[in-house]
Amino acid sequence: CGSNYVYIDATHIPESHLKIRFPNIISKLRENGLNLKKDLIKVSPAEHYLNGGIKTDYKGKTNIGGLYCCGEAAATGAHGANRLASNSLMEGLVYGWKIYKDIEKKLKQKNTGYENKTIEGVNKLLDEAKIKKSKAGKINDHKPDIKTLTSDLKNIMTRKVGILRDAQSLKEAGEFVNFHINSGHLYNKKDKNMLEFANMLTVASLIIKAASLREES
């Protein structure tokens, strides 16, 4: 475990096919002295798209009455465990249309009930915010070095939850993530970097959990 990259081997693919399908990649590799047809190319994971977001049903409705969501902010479940390239555009069109039709139908009703449901949802969020604010007030003023913690998290995720990983490396990464998730300094709402680090921890925790469940790899 701990390797930052693996190799991609395209040497068996006809050069004519590579030139048609991957002209930009070939050009970029050539700039760096590499040949896709002849060389093994180092590759490593990088964020492109995050499956998830606001959970909706098949009509784009959330659990807050009157609130809909579609596009890359929504978790519709349409993509399963991964999203193929360019599918997000069609997803946005389909769910955008479904939302429009559902709203159109609801507006024809005399009493949608959305107003009260929305207010209830907002009040619930406000109550949760008060609890977190109260918890933050009990924490001392000591601020950790977020830049260092963020760098540490990136390194740990690369080394222990990367392409090559095992149960022990996932356990060690999980211990680091869980320690900081449960630490009080994440409730400091005045620091943007702190909030970003908290979000990174959430995503890291989900990645570790998913990787742990997938014993095949």
Foldseek 3Di string as FASTA:
>chain_A
DFDLWDWDQPLVPDPVVCCVPPVPVQVVQVVVVDGNNPDTDTDWDDDDADQAAAEDEPLQDGQQFPDGDAARNYNHCPDPPDHDPPVRVVRRVNNVVSPVVVVVVLVVDPPNVRVVSNVVVVVVVVVVLVVLVVLLVVDDPDDDDLVVLVVVLVSLCSGAVIPDHDPVSLVVSLVSLVVVLPDSNLSPPVDPSSVVVNVVSVVSNVSSVVSVVPPVD
